[in-house]
N, C-alpha and C. Protein backbone atom coordinates (compact mmCIF):
# COMPACT_ATOMS: atom_id res chain seq x y z
N MET A 1 7.76 16.08 15.25
CA MET A 1 7.12 15.59 16.32
C MET A 1 7.75 14.17 16.37
N GLU A 2 7.36 13.24 17.25
CA GLU A 2 7.50 12.31 17.82
C GLU A 2 6.49 11.06 16.85
N LYS A 3 7.23 9.98 16.82
CA LYS A 3 6.24 8.93 16.14
C LYS A 3 5.20 8.78 16.90
N ASN A 4 5.11 8.57 18.36
CA ASN A 4 4.32 8.12 19.17
C ASN A 4 2.96 9.12 19.62
N ASP A 5 3.24 10.48 19.06
CA ASP A 5 2.28 11.71 19.30
C ASP A 5 1.19 11.17 18.12
N TYR A 6 1.22 10.54 17.37
CA TYR A 6 -0.26 10.23 16.65
C TYR A 6 -0.53 8.76 17.03
N ARG A 7 -2.11 8.62 16.34
CA ARG A 7 -2.54 7.35 16.60
C ARG A 7 -2.96 6.73 14.90
N LEU A 8 -2.02 6.44 14.41
CA LEU A 8 -2.31 6.05 13.29
C LEU A 8 -1.28 4.79 12.69
N ASN A 9 -1.99 3.80 11.62
CA ASN A 9 -1.66 2.57 11.82
C ASN A 9 0.05 2.87 11.23
N GLU A 10 0.80 1.94 11.40
CA GLU A 10 2.38 1.79 10.90
C GLU A 10 2.25 1.71 9.66
N PHE A 11 1.17 1.31 8.69
CA PHE A 11 1.62 1.53 7.56
C PHE A 11 1.82 2.96 7.09
N TYR A 12 1.10 3.97 7.50
CA TYR A 12 1.21 5.32 6.99
C TYR A 12 2.60 5.87 7.25
N PHE A 13 2.75 5.65 8.16
CA PHE A 13 4.52 5.99 8.66
C PHE A 13 5.82 5.49 7.71
N ASP A 14 5.36 4.08 7.38
CA ASP A 14 6.33 3.57 6.45
C ASP A 14 6.15 3.95 5.42
N MET A 15 4.87 4.48 4.83
CA MET A 15 4.71 4.93 3.49
C MET A 15 5.44 6.29 3.21
N ASN A 16 5.16 6.91 4.53
CA ASN A 16 5.83 8.39 4.58
C ASN A 16 7.39 8.18 4.36
N ASP A 17 7.91 7.59 5.15
CA ASP A 17 9.29 7.40 5.04
C ASP A 17 9.83 6.84 3.70
N TYR A 18 9.02 5.75 2.86
CA TYR A 18 9.37 5.47 1.48
C TYR A 18 9.14 6.64 0.68
N ILE A 19 7.99 7.60 0.77
CA ILE A 19 8.02 8.68 -0.20
C ILE A 19 9.10 9.44 0.08
N PHE A 20 9.33 10.00 1.27
CA PHE A 20 10.45 10.75 1.47
C PHE A 20 11.80 10.52 1.09
N LYS A 21 12.09 8.70 1.38
CA LYS A 21 13.39 8.52 0.71
C LYS A 21 13.40 8.62 -0.81
N LEU A 22 12.34 8.37 -1.45
CA LEU A 22 12.24 8.30 -2.47
C LEU A 22 12.18 9.54 -3.50
N ARG A 23 11.91 10.70 -2.62
CA ARG A 23 12.00 12.18 -3.03
C ARG A 23 13.37 12.27 -3.29
N LYS A 24 14.34 11.79 -2.26
CA LYS A 24 15.37 12.10 -2.13
C LYS A 24 16.45 10.98 -2.72
N SER A 25 15.91 9.97 -3.57
CA SER A 25 16.74 9.21 -3.96
C SER A 25 17.73 8.29 -3.34
N ARG A 26 17.30 8.06 -2.16
CA ARG A 26 18.15 7.47 -0.99
C ARG A 26 17.47 5.92 -0.69
N ILE A 27 17.06 4.88 -1.80
CA ILE A 27 15.72 4.07 -0.92
C ILE A 27 16.97 2.69 -1.15
N ASN A 28 16.99 2.02 -0.24
CA ASN A 28 17.90 0.97 0.02
C ASN A 28 17.11 -0.40 -0.66
N PRO A 29 17.67 -0.79 -1.59
CA PRO A 29 17.14 -1.97 -2.22
C PRO A 29 16.47 -3.06 -1.70
N ASN A 30 17.05 -3.04 -0.22
CA ASN A 30 16.74 -4.37 0.51
C ASN A 30 15.29 -3.84 1.07
N ASP A 31 15.00 -2.71 1.25
CA ASP A 31 13.54 -2.51 1.72
C ASP A 31 12.55 -2.77 1.00
N LEU A 32 12.78 -2.61 -0.56
CA LEU A 32 11.88 -2.87 -1.42
C LEU A 32 11.71 -4.20 -1.71
N VAL A 33 12.28 -5.44 -0.85
CA VAL A 33 11.75 -6.73 -1.13
C VAL A 33 10.46 -7.01 -0.84
N ILE A 34 9.82 -7.88 -1.49
CA ILE A 34 8.32 -8.32 -1.35
C ILE A 34 8.44 -9.76 -1.69
N ASN A 35 8.00 -10.47 -0.35
CA ASN A 35 8.36 -11.88 -0.08
C ASN A 35 7.26 -12.58 -1.23
N GLU A 36 5.83 -12.21 -1.23
CA GLU A 36 4.90 -12.96 -1.90
C GLU A 36 4.12 -11.85 -3.20
N TYR A 37 4.05 -11.85 -4.15
CA TYR A 37 3.67 -10.92 -4.90
C TYR A 37 2.42 -11.75 -5.51
N ILE A 38 0.99 -11.67 -5.12
CA ILE A 38 -0.20 -11.90 -5.92
C ILE A 38 -0.97 -11.36 -6.73
N LEU A 39 -0.81 -10.93 -7.96
CA LEU A 39 -1.95 -9.95 -8.68
C LEU A 39 -3.27 -10.90 -8.73
N PRO A 40 -4.26 -10.46 -8.06
CA PRO A 40 -5.56 -10.73 -8.21
C PRO A 40 -6.26 -10.40 -9.36
N ASP A 41 -7.17 -11.15 -9.84
CA ASP A 41 -7.84 -10.98 -11.29
C ASP A 41 -9.11 -9.65 -10.69
N VAL A 42 -8.80 -8.54 -10.67
CA VAL A 42 -9.48 -7.43 -10.18
C VAL A 42 -11.08 -7.35 -11.20
N PHE A 43 -11.03 -8.12 -12.03
CA PHE A 43 -12.36 -7.92 -12.94
C PHE A 43 -13.25 -9.05 -12.01
N SER A 44 -13.16 -9.53 -11.26
CA SER A 44 -13.65 -10.90 -10.66
C SER A 44 -14.31 -10.37 -9.25
N PHE A 45 -14.49 -9.26 -9.02
CA PHE A 45 -14.64 -8.62 -7.54
C PHE A 45 -15.71 -7.67 -7.89
N ASN A 46 -16.64 -7.69 -7.06
CA ASN A 46 -18.08 -6.74 -7.21
C ASN A 46 -17.89 -5.93 -6.83
N GLU A 47 -19.23 -4.77 -6.67
CA GLU A 47 -19.07 -3.52 -6.31
C GLU A 47 -19.36 -3.74 -4.78
N GLY A 48 -18.58 -2.78 -3.95
CA GLY A 48 -18.24 -2.94 -2.45
C GLY A 48 -17.46 -3.79 -2.26
N GLU A 49 -17.03 -4.89 -2.58
CA GLU A 49 -15.80 -6.17 -2.19
C GLU A 49 -14.59 -5.04 -1.90
N MET A 50 -13.95 -5.70 -1.06
CA MET A 50 -12.51 -5.22 -1.00
C MET A 50 -11.35 -6.47 -1.18
N PHE A 51 -10.24 -6.21 -1.50
CA PHE A 51 -9.52 -7.10 -1.95
C PHE A 51 -8.33 -6.34 -1.74
N PHE A 52 -7.22 -7.24 -1.43
CA PHE A 52 -5.60 -7.20 -1.54
C PHE A 52 -4.95 -6.91 -2.50
N PHE A 53 -4.44 -5.53 -2.97
CA PHE A 53 -3.86 -5.73 -4.17
C PHE A 53 -1.98 -5.85 -4.27
N THR A 54 -2.03 -4.66 -3.62
CA THR A 54 -0.18 -4.88 -3.70
C THR A 54 0.06 -4.35 -2.16
N PRO A 55 1.23 -4.84 -1.69
CA PRO A 55 1.96 -4.35 -0.17
C PRO A 55 2.19 -2.96 -0.04
N TYR A 56 2.28 -2.03 -1.23
CA TYR A 56 1.95 -0.84 -1.03
C TYR A 56 0.43 0.02 -0.94
N LEU A 57 -0.22 -0.73 -1.63
CA LEU A 57 -1.65 0.16 -1.71
C LEU A 57 -2.53 -0.62 -0.34
N LYS A 58 -2.16 -1.92 -0.05
CA LYS A 58 -2.90 -2.53 0.88
C LYS A 58 -4.09 -2.85 0.56
N ASN A 59 -5.46 -2.60 0.93
CA ASN A 59 -6.75 -2.98 0.63
C ASN A 59 -7.15 -1.95 -0.35
N CYS A 60 -7.66 -2.83 -1.23
CA CYS A 60 -8.54 -1.60 -2.25
C CYS A 60 -10.17 -2.07 -2.26
N LYS A 61 -10.98 -1.27 -2.80
CA LYS A 61 -12.39 -1.50 -2.56
C LYS A 61 -12.93 -0.83 -4.04
N VAL A 62 -13.93 -2.03 -4.69
CA VAL A 62 -14.70 -1.90 -6.12
C VAL A 62 -15.77 -0.62 -5.73
N ILE A 63 -15.43 0.36 -6.15
CA ILE A 63 -16.25 1.46 -5.88
C ILE A 63 -17.52 1.48 -7.20
N LYS A 64 -17.14 1.29 -8.19
CA LYS A 64 -18.35 1.10 -9.67
C LYS A 64 -17.33 0.19 -10.61
N LYS A 65 -18.28 -0.77 -11.09
CA LYS A 65 -18.09 -1.38 -11.88
C LYS A 65 -18.77 -1.46 -13.13
N ARG A 66 -18.26 -0.99 -14.21
CA ARG A 66 -18.76 -0.93 -15.77
C ARG A 66 -18.47 -2.06 -16.73
N SER A 67 -19.16 -2.60 -17.54
CA SER A 67 -19.21 -3.77 -18.55
C SER A 67 -18.31 -3.07 -19.60
């Protein structure tokens, strides 16, 4: 099927390509370059809040918070 047959976010197609190449051990190191990597303090977020964790995971949401 063609890429245009689906109405999905570009992220899903990129992730699919990445996983396929990883499985075949054919990842170009230049494709893994991350321009800015900021690791947030995940414990500072409250339940229901969303935050950006990594370029590969995109947005994350706090479902439940325990002490």
